Amino acid sequence: MELLPNRIFLIGYMGSGKTSVSKYLSVMTGSQFIDMDQEIERTENMPIRTIFIKYGEHEFRNKESELLDRLCHVSSALDIMAGENIGSSNISAKEGKYRAFADIKEPLIVSCGGGIILDGLNRIILKDQCTVFLEADPEMLFQRVNGDANRPYAYMDIPNEEERKMKFLDLYKKREPLYREAASVIIKTDKKSPETIAKEILIQVKK
């Protein structure tokens, strides 16, 4: 009998369709859908862009990592470095706003933020999970997100579109190998609908 993993994580650059594809996967599998960016916004009661401006990217990345730990039942970074089983039932005793996520019912479909792979420990955790990298042409991604001021790095606060595009593409170039490092499955998404991508993912991750 073919079984799906208890947790499927979607990673990829901004505009790659992680949220849309995750929603299709949720419906197709009957799994709970979680968008990590949206959950952080809800818990902090402010948009991510505001978190970046008010507290800085470092603070946002800390919140992101804590939420990932909760979703994956990771007890501590020390356990990861010691090679402990990341899929264990150990739950961190650390107090935090994301403590309740330890009780979220699986199976889960999780849409990750575009920068979650910037943290090395996050990449180790994701690699131990069923993690799908939605690979897409960065030029097309820029066209999708250009003009969306809510994305922390989409605009880069640069008024000139060509300069903004260069920053966007440069950031993609730096992140692409990190997505590949963290992924267990890579799906090319160019010219495919979210539903088609979701179906392809299910074929790839069934075990």
N, C-alpha and C. Protein backbone atom coordinates (compact mmCIF):
# COMPACT_ATOMS: atom_id res chain seq x y z
N MET A 1 0.85 -1.20 0.00
CA MET A 1 0.00 0.00 0.00
C MET A 1 0.88 1.25 0.00
N GLU A 2 0.57 2.20 -0.87
CA GLU A 2 1.35 3.43 -0.94
C GLU A 2 0.88 4.41 0.14
N LEU A 3 1.85 4.92 0.89
CA LEU A 3 1.54 5.85 1.96
C LEU A 3 2.23 7.18 1.72
N LEU A 4 1.60 8.25 2.21
CA LEU A 4 2.20 9.58 2.12
C LEU A 4 2.93 9.88 3.42
N PRO A 5 3.97 10.71 3.37
CA PRO A 5 4.66 11.13 4.59
C PRO A 5 3.70 11.90 5.50
N ASN A 6 3.97 11.89 6.80
CA ASN A 6 3.13 12.64 7.73
C ASN A 6 3.24 14.14 7.52
N ARG A 7 4.39 14.57 7.01
CA ARG A 7 4.61 16.00 6.79
C ARG A 7 5.25 16.19 5.43
N ILE A 8 4.67 17.06 4.62
CA ILE A 8 5.27 17.44 3.34
C ILE A 8 5.52 18.94 3.37
N PHE A 9 6.78 19.33 3.17
CA PHE A 9 7.17 20.74 3.19
C PHE A 9 7.47 21.20 1.77
N LEU A 10 6.93 22.36 1.40
CA LEU A 10 7.21 22.95 0.10
C LEU A 10 8.13 24.15 0.30
N ILE A 11 9.24 24.15 -0.42
CA ILE A 11 10.19 25.26 -0.35
C ILE A 11 10.40 25.82 -1.75
N GLY A 12 10.89 27.03 -1.82
CA GLY A 12 11.15 27.65 -3.11
C GLY A 12 11.18 29.16 -2.98
N TYR A 13 11.61 29.80 -4.03
CA TYR A 13 11.76 31.26 -4.04
C TYR A 13 10.39 31.93 -4.06
N MET A 14 10.37 33.19 -3.70
CA MET A 14 9.11 33.94 -3.69
C MET A 14 8.46 33.91 -5.07
N GLY A 15 7.15 33.66 -5.08
CA GLY A 15 6.41 33.61 -6.33
C GLY A 15 6.37 32.25 -6.98
N SER A 16 6.99 31.24 -6.35
CA SER A 16 7.05 29.91 -6.97
C SER A 16 5.76 29.11 -6.84
N GLY A 17 4.80 29.62 -6.08
CA GLY A 17 3.51 28.95 -5.99
C GLY A 17 3.37 27.99 -4.82
N LYS A 18 4.21 28.14 -3.81
CA LYS A 18 4.18 27.21 -2.68
C LYS A 18 2.82 27.16 -2.00
N THR A 19 2.23 28.33 -1.77
CA THR A 19 0.94 28.36 -1.07
C THR A 19 -0.17 27.77 -1.92
N SER A 20 -0.23 28.13 -3.18
CA SER A 20 -1.27 27.61 -4.07
C SER A 20 -1.18 26.09 -4.21
N VAL A 21 0.04 25.59 -4.43
CA VAL A 21 0.22 24.15 -4.58
C VAL A 21 -0.09 23.43 -3.28
N SER A 22 0.30 24.02 -2.16
CA SER A 22 0.04 23.41 -0.85
C SER A 22 -1.46 23.25 -0.61
N LYS A 23 -2.23 24.24 -1.02
CA LYS A 23 -3.68 24.17 -0.83
C LYS A 23 -4.28 23.02 -1.64
N TYR A 24 -3.79 22.83 -2.87
CA TYR A 24 -4.26 21.70 -3.67
C TYR A 24 -3.87 20.38 -3.01
N LEU A 25 -2.66 20.30 -2.52
CA LEU A 25 -2.21 19.08 -1.85
C LEU A 25 -3.06 18.78 -0.61
N SER A 26 -3.41 19.83 0.11
CA SER A 26 -4.23 19.67 1.30
C SER A 26 -5.58 19.06 0.96
N VAL A 27 -6.20 19.58 -0.11
CA VAL A 27 -7.50 19.06 -0.53
C VAL A 27 -7.37 17.63 -1.05
N MET A 28 -6.35 17.36 -1.85
CA MET A 28 -6.17 16.04 -2.45
C MET A 28 -5.90 14.95 -1.41
N THR A 29 -5.21 15.32 -0.33
CA THR A 29 -4.80 14.33 0.66
C THR A 29 -5.64 14.35 1.94
N GLY A 30 -6.43 15.41 2.12
CA GLY A 30 -7.19 15.53 3.36
C GLY A 30 -6.31 15.95 4.53
N SER A 31 -5.13 16.50 4.22
CA SER A 31 -4.18 16.92 5.26
C SER A 31 -4.41 18.38 5.63
N GLN A 32 -3.99 18.73 6.84
CA GLN A 32 -4.08 20.12 7.26
C GLN A 32 -3.04 20.95 6.53
N PHE A 33 -3.43 22.15 6.12
CA PHE A 33 -2.52 23.06 5.41
C PHE A 33 -2.05 24.15 6.35
N ILE A 34 -0.75 24.39 6.34
CA ILE A 34 -0.17 25.47 7.15
C ILE A 34 0.77 26.29 6.28
N ASP A 35 0.57 27.60 6.27
CA ASP A 35 1.48 28.52 5.63
C ASP A 35 2.30 29.17 6.74
N MET A 36 3.61 28.91 6.78
CA MET A 36 4.42 29.37 7.89
C MET A 36 4.44 30.90 7.99
N ASP A 37 4.54 31.58 6.87
CA ASP A 37 4.53 33.04 6.90
C ASP A 37 3.23 33.57 7.49
N GLN A 38 2.12 32.99 7.07
CA GLN A 38 0.82 33.44 7.57
C GLN A 38 0.67 33.16 9.06
N GLU A 39 1.20 32.02 9.52
CA GLU A 39 1.10 31.69 10.94
C GLU A 39 1.95 32.64 11.78
N ILE A 40 3.11 33.03 11.28
CA ILE A 40 3.93 33.99 12.01
C ILE A 40 3.24 35.35 12.05
N GLU A 41 2.65 35.76 10.94
CA GLU A 41 1.91 37.02 10.91
C GLU A 41 0.75 36.99 11.89
N ARG A 42 0.04 35.88 11.93
CA ARG A 42 -1.11 35.76 12.84
C ARG A 42 -0.66 35.81 14.29
N THR A 43 0.40 35.08 14.62
CA THR A 43 0.87 35.01 16.00
C THR A 43 1.46 36.34 16.46
N GLU A 44 2.18 37.01 15.56
CA GLU A 44 2.80 38.29 15.92
C GLU A 44 1.86 39.47 15.70
N ASN A 45 0.73 39.21 15.03
CA ASN A 45 -0.28 40.24 14.78
C ASN A 45 0.28 41.42 13.98
N MET A 46 1.11 41.08 12.98
CA MET A 46 1.63 42.12 12.08
C MET A 46 2.17 41.45 10.82
N PRO A 47 2.17 42.18 9.69
CA PRO A 47 2.71 41.62 8.45
C PRO A 47 4.21 41.34 8.59
N ILE A 48 4.69 40.39 7.80
CA ILE A 48 6.11 40.04 7.84
C ILE A 48 6.97 41.25 7.52
N ARG A 49 6.56 42.03 6.54
CA ARG A 49 7.34 43.22 6.18
C ARG A 49 7.50 44.14 7.39
N THR A 50 6.45 44.26 8.19
CA THR A 50 6.53 45.09 9.39
C THR A 50 7.47 44.49 10.42
N ILE A 51 7.45 43.16 10.54
CA ILE A 51 8.39 42.49 11.45
C ILE A 51 9.82 42.79 11.04
N PHE A 52 10.10 42.72 9.73
CA PHE A 52 11.44 43.01 9.22
C PHE A 52 11.84 44.44 9.59
N ILE A 53 10.94 45.39 9.37
CA ILE A 53 11.26 46.80 9.60
C ILE A 53 11.42 47.10 11.09
N LYS A 54 10.52 46.52 11.89
CA LYS A 54 10.48 46.84 13.32
C LYS A 54 11.55 46.10 14.13
N TYR A 55 11.75 44.82 13.79
CA TYR A 55 12.66 44.00 14.61
C TYR A 55 13.89 43.50 13.85
N GLY A 56 13.85 43.56 12.54
CA GLY A 56 14.98 43.09 11.76
C GLY A 56 14.79 41.67 11.26
N GLU A 57 15.53 41.32 10.21
CA GLU A 57 15.39 39.99 9.62
C GLU A 57 15.80 38.90 10.59
N HIS A 58 16.81 39.15 11.41
CA HIS A 58 17.31 38.13 12.34
C HIS A 58 16.19 37.65 13.27
N GLU A 59 15.41 38.59 13.79
CA GLU A 59 14.32 38.21 14.70
C GLU A 59 13.27 37.38 13.97
N PHE A 60 12.96 37.77 12.73
CA PHE A 60 12.00 36.99 11.97
C PHE A 60 12.51 35.57 11.73
N ARG A 61 13.79 35.45 11.38
CA ARG A 61 14.35 34.12 11.13
C ARG A 61 14.32 33.26 12.38
N ASN A 62 14.49 33.87 13.55
CA ASN A 62 14.38 33.12 14.80
C ASN A 62 12.98 32.56 14.99
N LYS A 63 11.98 33.39 14.69
CA LYS A 63 10.59 32.94 14.82
C LYS A 63 10.32 31.81 13.82
N GLU A 64 10.82 31.96 12.62
CA GLU A 64 10.65 30.97 11.57
C GLU A 64 11.26 29.63 11.99
N SER A 65 12.47 29.68 12.53
CA SER A 65 13.15 28.45 12.95
C SER A 65 12.42 27.78 14.12
N GLU A 66 11.93 28.59 15.04
CA GLU A 66 11.20 28.03 16.18
C GLU A 66 9.93 27.30 15.71
N LEU A 67 9.23 27.92 14.78
CA LEU A 67 8.02 27.30 14.26
C LEU A 67 8.35 26.00 13.52
N LEU A 68 9.42 25.99 12.74
CA LEU A 68 9.83 24.76 12.05
C LEU A 68 10.16 23.67 13.05
N ASP A 69 10.87 24.02 14.13
CA ASP A 69 11.18 23.04 15.17
C ASP A 69 9.92 22.41 15.73
N ARG A 70 8.93 23.25 15.98
CA ARG A 70 7.67 22.74 16.56
C ARG A 70 6.98 21.78 15.60
N LEU A 71 6.92 22.17 14.35
CA LEU A 71 6.22 21.34 13.36
C LEU A 71 6.91 20.00 13.16
N CYS A 72 8.24 19.96 13.35
CA CYS A 72 9.01 18.74 13.10
C CYS A 72 9.36 18.00 14.39
N HIS A 73 8.86 18.48 15.54
CA HIS A 73 9.12 17.83 16.82
C HIS A 73 10.61 17.79 17.16
N VAL A 74 11.32 18.85 16.83
CA VAL A 74 12.73 18.93 17.15
C VAL A 74 12.88 19.52 18.54
N SER A 75 13.67 18.86 19.37
CA SER A 75 13.79 19.33 20.76
C SER A 75 14.81 20.45 20.90
N SER A 76 15.93 20.36 20.17
CA SER A 76 16.93 21.42 20.28
C SER A 76 17.96 21.29 19.17
N ALA A 77 18.69 22.37 18.96
CA ALA A 77 19.78 22.33 17.97
C ALA A 77 20.85 21.34 18.38
N LEU A 78 21.03 21.16 19.68
CA LEU A 78 22.03 20.20 20.16
C LEU A 78 21.70 18.79 19.72
N ASP A 79 20.41 18.45 19.72
CA ASP A 79 19.99 17.13 19.27
C ASP A 79 20.34 16.93 17.80
N ILE A 80 20.14 17.99 17.00
CA ILE A 80 20.43 17.91 15.58
C ILE A 80 21.92 17.67 15.37
N MET A 81 22.74 18.45 16.06
CA MET A 81 24.18 18.34 15.89
C MET A 81 24.69 16.99 16.39
N ALA A 82 23.99 16.41 17.38
CA ALA A 82 24.40 15.11 17.92
C ALA A 82 23.89 13.96 17.07
N GLY A 83 23.09 14.28 16.05
CA GLY A 83 22.60 13.24 15.16
C GLY A 83 21.38 12.51 15.66
N GLU A 84 20.65 13.11 16.60
CA GLU A 84 19.44 12.47 17.11
C GLU A 84 18.39 12.40 16.02
N ASN A 85 17.43 11.50 16.18
CA ASN A 85 16.35 11.34 15.21
C ASN A 85 15.45 12.56 15.23
N ILE A 86 15.44 13.32 14.15
CA ILE A 86 14.65 14.55 14.09
C ILE A 86 13.16 14.26 14.12
N GLY A 87 12.77 13.09 13.68
CA GLY A 87 11.35 12.75 13.65
C GLY A 87 10.83 12.24 14.97
N SER A 88 11.61 12.33 16.02
CA SER A 88 11.20 11.80 17.32
C SER A 88 10.09 12.64 17.92
N SER A 89 9.55 12.18 19.03
CA SER A 89 8.44 12.87 19.69
C SER A 89 8.93 13.88 20.72
N ASN A 90 10.25 14.10 20.79
CA ASN A 90 10.77 15.07 21.76
C ASN A 90 10.28 16.47 21.43
N ILE A 91 9.78 17.16 22.43
CA ILE A 91 9.29 18.52 22.26
C ILE A 91 10.08 19.45 23.16
N SER A 92 10.50 20.55 22.62
CA SER A 92 11.30 21.50 23.40
C SER A 92 10.51 22.03 24.58
N ALA A 93 11.20 22.16 25.71
CA ALA A 93 10.57 22.73 26.90
C ALA A 93 10.61 24.25 26.87
N LYS A 94 11.28 24.80 25.89
CA LYS A 94 11.42 26.25 25.77
C LYS A 94 10.07 26.91 25.59
N GLU A 95 9.81 27.96 26.37
CA GLU A 95 8.57 28.70 26.24
C GLU A 95 8.62 29.56 24.99
N GLY A 96 7.50 29.75 24.34
CA GLY A 96 7.47 30.59 23.15
C GLY A 96 6.06 30.67 22.61
N LYS A 97 5.84 31.62 21.71
CA LYS A 97 4.52 31.82 21.13
C LYS A 97 4.10 30.65 20.26
N TYR A 98 5.05 29.82 19.81
CA TYR A 98 4.74 28.74 18.88
C TYR A 98 4.65 27.39 19.57
N ARG A 99 4.61 27.40 20.89
CA ARG A 99 4.54 26.15 21.65
C ARG A 99 3.34 25.31 21.24
N ALA A 100 2.21 25.96 20.99
CA ALA A 100 0.97 25.23 20.65
C ALA A 100 1.11 24.42 19.38
N PHE A 101 2.04 24.78 18.51
CA PHE A 101 2.19 24.05 17.25
C PHE A 101 2.68 22.63 17.46
N ALA A 102 3.19 22.33 18.65
CA ALA A 102 3.62 20.96 18.93
C ALA A 102 2.43 20.02 18.93
N ASP A 103 1.23 20.57 19.12
CA ASP A 103 0.03 19.75 19.21
C ASP A 103 -0.77 19.71 17.91
N ILE A 104 -0.25 20.28 16.85
CA ILE A 104 -0.95 20.26 15.57
C ILE A 104 -1.06 18.83 15.07
N LYS A 105 -2.22 18.47 14.60
CA LYS A 105 -2.46 17.10 14.16
C LYS A 105 -1.88 16.87 12.76
N GLU A 106 -1.22 15.77 12.60
CA GLU A 106 -0.71 15.36 11.30
C GLU A 106 -1.73 14.43 10.65
N PRO A 107 -1.68 14.29 9.32
CA PRO A 107 -0.67 14.76 8.37
C PRO A 107 -0.78 16.24 8.05
N LEU A 108 0.35 16.80 7.62
CA LEU A 108 0.45 18.23 7.36
C LEU A 108 1.03 18.51 5.98
N ILE A 109 0.52 19.56 5.37
CA ILE A 109 1.13 20.14 4.17
C ILE A 109 1.59 21.52 4.58
N VAL A 110 2.89 21.80 4.47
CA VAL A 110 3.45 23.04 4.99
C VAL A 110 4.10 23.85 3.87
N SER A 111 3.64 25.08 3.71
CA SER A 111 4.26 26.02 2.78
C SER A 111 5.26 26.86 3.56
N CYS A 112 6.54 26.76 3.22
CA CYS A 112 7.59 27.47 3.95
C CYS A 112 7.88 28.83 3.33
N GLY A 113 8.40 29.72 4.13
CA GLY A 113 8.84 31.01 3.61
C GLY A 113 10.04 30.84 2.70
N GLY A 114 10.22 31.76 1.78
CA GLY A 114 11.29 31.64 0.79
C GLY A 114 12.68 31.62 1.37
N GLY A 115 12.87 32.21 2.57
CA GLY A 115 14.21 32.29 3.14
C GLY A 115 14.49 31.28 4.23
N ILE A 116 13.62 30.30 4.39
CA ILE A 116 13.80 29.35 5.50
C ILE A 116 15.10 28.56 5.37
N ILE A 117 15.61 28.43 4.15
CA ILE A 117 16.80 27.62 3.91
C ILE A 117 18.09 28.39 4.21
N LEU A 118 18.00 29.65 4.63
CA LEU A 118 19.19 30.43 4.93
C LEU A 118 19.88 29.95 6.20
N ASP A 119 19.13 29.32 7.08
CA ASP A 119 19.69 28.78 8.32
C ASP A 119 20.14 27.34 8.10
N GLY A 120 21.39 27.04 8.43
CA GLY A 120 21.94 25.71 8.20
C GLY A 120 21.20 24.61 8.93
N LEU A 121 20.79 24.87 10.17
CA LEU A 121 20.05 23.86 10.93
C LEU A 121 18.68 23.61 10.31
N ASN A 122 18.06 24.67 9.81
CA ASN A 122 16.78 24.49 9.12
C ASN A 122 16.94 23.55 7.93
N ARG A 123 18.04 23.70 7.19
CA ARG A 123 18.26 22.84 6.03
C ARG A 123 18.44 21.38 6.45
N ILE A 124 19.13 21.17 7.57
CA ILE A 124 19.30 19.80 8.07
C ILE A 124 17.95 19.20 8.44
N ILE A 125 17.13 19.98 9.12
CA ILE A 125 15.80 19.51 9.53
C ILE A 125 14.97 19.19 8.30
N LEU A 126 14.93 20.11 7.34
CA LEU A 126 14.11 19.91 6.14
C LEU A 126 14.59 18.71 5.34
N LYS A 127 15.89 18.50 5.27
CA LYS A 127 16.42 17.37 4.51
C LYS A 127 15.96 16.05 5.10
N ASP A 128 15.71 16.03 6.40
CA ASP A 128 15.25 14.81 7.07
C ASP A 128 13.76 14.60 6.91
N GLN A 129 13.07 15.61 6.39
CA GLN A 129 11.64 15.54 6.14
C GLN A 129 11.39 15.23 4.66
N CYS A 130 10.13 15.16 4.28
CA CYS A 130 9.77 15.11 2.86
C CYS A 130 9.64 16.56 2.40
N THR A 131 10.69 17.05 1.76
CA THR A 131 10.75 18.47 1.39
C THR A 131 10.85 18.60 -0.12
N VAL A 132 9.94 19.37 -0.69
CA VAL A 132 9.83 19.52 -2.14
C VAL A 132 10.24 20.92 -2.54
N PHE A 133 11.23 21.01 -3.41
CA PHE A 133 11.67 22.29 -3.95
C PHE A 133 10.93 22.56 -5.25
N LEU A 134 10.16 23.64 -5.27
CA LEU A 134 9.46 24.05 -6.48
C LEU A 134 10.39 24.94 -7.28
N GLU A 135 11.02 24.34 -8.28
CA GLU A 135 12.00 25.05 -9.10
C GLU A 135 11.29 25.81 -10.21
N ALA A 136 11.68 27.06 -10.41
CA ALA A 136 11.03 27.89 -11.43
C ALA A 136 12.03 28.88 -12.02
N ASP A 137 11.72 29.35 -13.21
CA ASP A 137 12.55 30.34 -13.88
C ASP A 137 12.50 31.66 -13.10
N PRO A 138 13.64 32.16 -12.61
CA PRO A 138 13.62 33.38 -11.79
C PRO A 138 13.10 34.62 -12.52
N GLU A 139 13.29 34.67 -13.84
CA GLU A 139 12.76 35.81 -14.60
C GLU A 139 11.23 35.84 -14.51
N MET A 140 10.63 34.65 -14.61
CA MET A 140 9.18 34.55 -14.51
C MET A 140 8.72 34.89 -13.09
N LEU A 141 9.49 34.46 -12.10
CA LEU A 141 9.13 34.74 -10.71
C LEU A 141 9.15 36.24 -10.44
N PHE A 142 10.11 36.92 -11.03
CA PHE A 142 10.17 38.37 -10.83
C PHE A 142 8.92 39.05 -11.36
N GLN A 143 8.46 38.62 -12.52
CA GLN A 143 7.25 39.21 -13.09
C GLN A 143 6.04 38.96 -12.20
N ARG A 144 6.03 37.82 -11.53
CA ARG A 144 4.91 37.50 -10.64
C ARG A 144 4.86 38.40 -9.42
N VAL A 145 6.01 38.67 -8.83
CA VAL A 145 6.03 39.40 -7.56
C VAL A 145 6.33 40.89 -7.71
N ASN A 146 6.77 41.31 -8.88
CA ASN A 146 7.11 42.72 -9.07
C ASN A 146 5.89 43.60 -8.81
N GLY A 147 6.03 44.52 -7.90
CA GLY A 147 4.91 45.39 -7.56
C GLY A 147 4.22 45.01 -6.26
N ASP A 148 4.56 43.83 -5.70
CA ASP A 148 3.96 43.40 -4.44
C ASP A 148 4.81 43.94 -3.29
N ALA A 149 4.38 45.04 -2.71
CA ALA A 149 5.14 45.71 -1.66
C ALA A 149 5.13 44.94 -0.34
N ASN A 150 4.29 43.91 -0.23
CA ASN A 150 4.21 43.15 1.01
C ASN A 150 5.34 42.14 1.15
N ARG A 151 6.06 41.87 0.08
CA ARG A 151 7.15 40.91 0.14
C ARG A 151 8.42 41.62 0.60
N PRO A 152 9.03 41.15 1.68
CA PRO A 152 10.17 41.87 2.26
C PRO A 152 11.30 42.16 1.30
N TYR A 153 11.61 41.21 0.39
CA TYR A 153 12.73 41.41 -0.49
C TYR A 153 12.34 41.50 -1.96
N ALA A 154 11.06 41.49 -2.25
CA ALA A 154 10.64 41.56 -3.65
C ALA A 154 10.98 42.93 -4.24
N TYR A 155 10.71 43.96 -3.46
CA TYR A 155 10.98 45.30 -3.95
C TYR A 155 12.38 45.77 -3.59
N MET A 156 12.90 45.34 -2.46
CA MET A 156 14.20 45.78 -1.98
C MET A 156 14.25 47.30 -1.83
N ASP A 157 13.05 47.92 -1.82
CA ASP A 157 12.95 49.38 -1.68
C ASP A 157 13.78 50.13 -2.74
N ILE A 158 13.86 49.55 -3.91
CA ILE A 158 14.59 50.16 -5.02
C ILE A 158 13.58 50.64 -6.06
N PRO A 159 13.48 51.93 -6.32
CA PRO A 159 12.47 52.43 -7.26
C PRO A 159 12.73 52.03 -8.71
N ASN A 160 14.00 51.89 -9.10
CA ASN A 160 14.32 51.54 -10.48
C ASN A 160 14.08 50.05 -10.71
N GLU A 161 13.22 49.72 -11.67
CA GLU A 161 12.83 48.33 -11.88
C GLU A 161 13.99 47.44 -12.30
N GLU A 162 14.88 47.94 -13.16
CA GLU A 162 16.01 47.12 -13.60
C GLU A 162 16.95 46.78 -12.45
N GLU A 163 17.21 47.78 -11.61
CA GLU A 163 18.06 47.54 -10.45
C GLU A 163 17.39 46.57 -9.49
N ARG A 164 16.07 46.73 -9.34
CA ARG A 164 15.31 45.84 -8.46
C ARG A 164 15.36 44.41 -8.97
N LYS A 165 15.23 44.26 -10.29
CA LYS A 165 15.28 42.94 -10.91
C LYS A 165 16.64 42.30 -10.70
N MET A 166 17.71 43.07 -10.85
CA MET A 166 19.05 42.53 -10.66
C MET A 166 19.24 42.02 -9.24
N LYS A 167 18.71 42.76 -8.27
CA LYS A 167 18.79 42.33 -6.87
C LYS A 167 18.00 41.04 -6.66
N PHE A 168 16.84 40.99 -7.27
CA PHE A 168 15.97 39.82 -7.15
C PHE A 168 16.66 38.58 -7.71
N LEU A 169 17.23 38.71 -8.90
CA LEU A 169 17.88 37.57 -9.56
C LEU A 169 19.16 37.16 -8.83
N ASP A 170 19.85 38.14 -8.30
CA ASP A 170 21.07 37.83 -7.55
C ASP A 170 20.75 37.05 -6.28
N LEU A 171 19.65 37.44 -5.62
CA LEU A 171 19.23 36.72 -4.42
C LEU A 171 18.82 35.30 -4.75
N TYR A 172 18.14 35.12 -5.88
CA TYR A 172 17.75 33.78 -6.31
C TYR A 172 19.00 32.92 -6.55
N LYS A 173 19.99 33.50 -7.21
CA LYS A 173 21.22 32.76 -7.52
C LYS A 173 21.89 32.26 -6.25
N LYS A 174 21.86 33.07 -5.20
CA LYS A 174 22.48 32.69 -3.93
C LYS A 174 21.67 31.62 -3.21
N ARG A 175 20.34 31.67 -3.35
CA ARG A 175 19.50 30.74 -2.60
C ARG A 175 19.29 29.39 -3.29
N GLU A 176 19.38 29.38 -4.61
CA GLU A 176 19.05 28.15 -5.34
C GLU A 176 19.80 26.92 -4.84
N PRO A 177 21.13 26.97 -4.64
CA PRO A 177 21.81 25.77 -4.14
C PRO A 177 21.37 25.36 -2.74
N LEU A 178 20.90 26.31 -1.95
CA LEU A 178 20.44 25.99 -0.60
C LEU A 178 19.10 25.25 -0.67
N TYR A 179 18.23 25.65 -1.61
CA TYR A 179 16.97 24.91 -1.81
C TYR A 179 17.29 23.47 -2.21
N ARG A 180 18.22 23.30 -3.11
CA ARG A 180 18.58 21.96 -3.57
C ARG A 180 19.17 21.12 -2.43
N GLU A 181 19.95 21.77 -1.59
CA GLU A 181 20.56 21.06 -0.46
C GLU A 181 19.50 20.55 0.51
N ALA A 182 18.45 21.33 0.72
CA ALA A 182 17.43 20.98 1.71
C ALA A 182 16.37 20.03 1.17
N ALA A 183 16.26 19.90 -0.15
CA ALA A 183 15.15 19.17 -0.76
C ALA A 183 15.43 17.68 -0.91
N SER A 184 14.37 16.91 -0.78
CA SER A 184 14.43 15.48 -1.10
C SER A 184 13.77 15.21 -2.45
N VAL A 185 12.96 16.17 -2.92
CA VAL A 185 12.30 16.07 -4.22
C VAL A 185 12.37 17.44 -4.89
N ILE A 186 12.66 17.47 -6.18
CA ILE A 186 12.68 18.72 -6.94
C ILE A 186 11.67 18.61 -8.09
N ILE A 187 10.78 19.58 -8.14
CA ILE A 187 9.74 19.62 -9.17
C ILE A 187 9.89 20.88 -10.00
N LYS A 188 10.04 20.72 -11.31
CA LYS A 188 10.07 21.88 -12.20
C LYS A 188 8.63 22.35 -12.42
N THR A 189 8.40 23.64 -12.21
CA THR A 189 7.03 24.15 -12.20
C THR A 189 6.67 25.02 -13.39
N ASP A 190 7.64 25.36 -14.23
CA ASP A 190 7.39 26.29 -15.33
C ASP A 190 6.26 25.81 -16.23
N LYS A 191 5.31 26.71 -16.49
CA LYS A 191 4.17 26.47 -17.39
C LYS A 191 3.26 25.34 -16.92
N LYS A 192 3.25 25.07 -15.63
CA LYS A 192 2.36 24.06 -15.06
C LYS A 192 1.38 24.73 -14.10
N SER A 193 0.17 24.24 -14.04
CA SER A 193 -0.82 24.77 -13.10
C SER A 193 -0.52 24.22 -11.70
N PRO A 194 -0.98 24.92 -10.64
CA PRO A 194 -0.78 24.42 -9.28
C PRO A 194 -1.34 23.01 -9.09
N GLU A 195 -2.47 22.72 -9.71
CA GLU A 195 -3.06 21.39 -9.57
C GLU A 195 -2.17 20.32 -10.20
N THR A 196 -1.64 20.61 -11.38
CA THR A 196 -0.74 19.67 -12.06
C THR A 196 0.51 19.42 -11.22
N ILE A 197 1.05 20.49 -10.65
CA ILE A 197 2.25 20.37 -9.80
C ILE A 197 1.94 19.52 -8.58
N ALA A 198 0.78 19.75 -7.97
CA ALA A 198 0.40 18.97 -6.79
C ALA A 198 0.29 17.48 -7.11
N LYS A 199 -0.29 17.17 -8.25
CA LYS A 199 -0.42 15.77 -8.65
C LYS A 199 0.95 15.13 -8.87
N GLU A 200 1.86 15.90 -9.46
CA GLU A 200 3.21 15.40 -9.70
C GLU A 200 3.94 15.15 -8.38
N ILE A 201 3.73 16.03 -7.43
CA ILE A 201 4.35 15.85 -6.11
C ILE A 201 3.87 14.56 -5.46
N LEU A 202 2.57 14.31 -5.53
CA LEU A 202 2.02 13.11 -4.90
C LEU A 202 2.62 11.84 -5.51
N ILE A 203 2.83 11.85 -6.80
CA ILE A 203 3.46 10.70 -7.46
C ILE A 203 4.88 10.49 -6.93
N GLN A 204 5.60 11.60 -6.74
CA GLN A 204 6.99 11.52 -6.35
C GLN A 204 7.19 11.11 -4.88
N VAL A 205 6.25 11.51 -4.00
CA VAL A 205 6.48 11.32 -2.57
C VAL A 205 5.81 10.09 -1.98
N LYS A 206 4.97 9.43 -2.73
CA LYS A 206 4.31 8.23 -2.21
C LYS A 206 5.35 7.15 -1.94
N LYS A 207 5.14 6.40 -0.87
CA LYS A 207 6.11 5.37 -0.53
C LYS A 207 5.42 4.08 -0.12
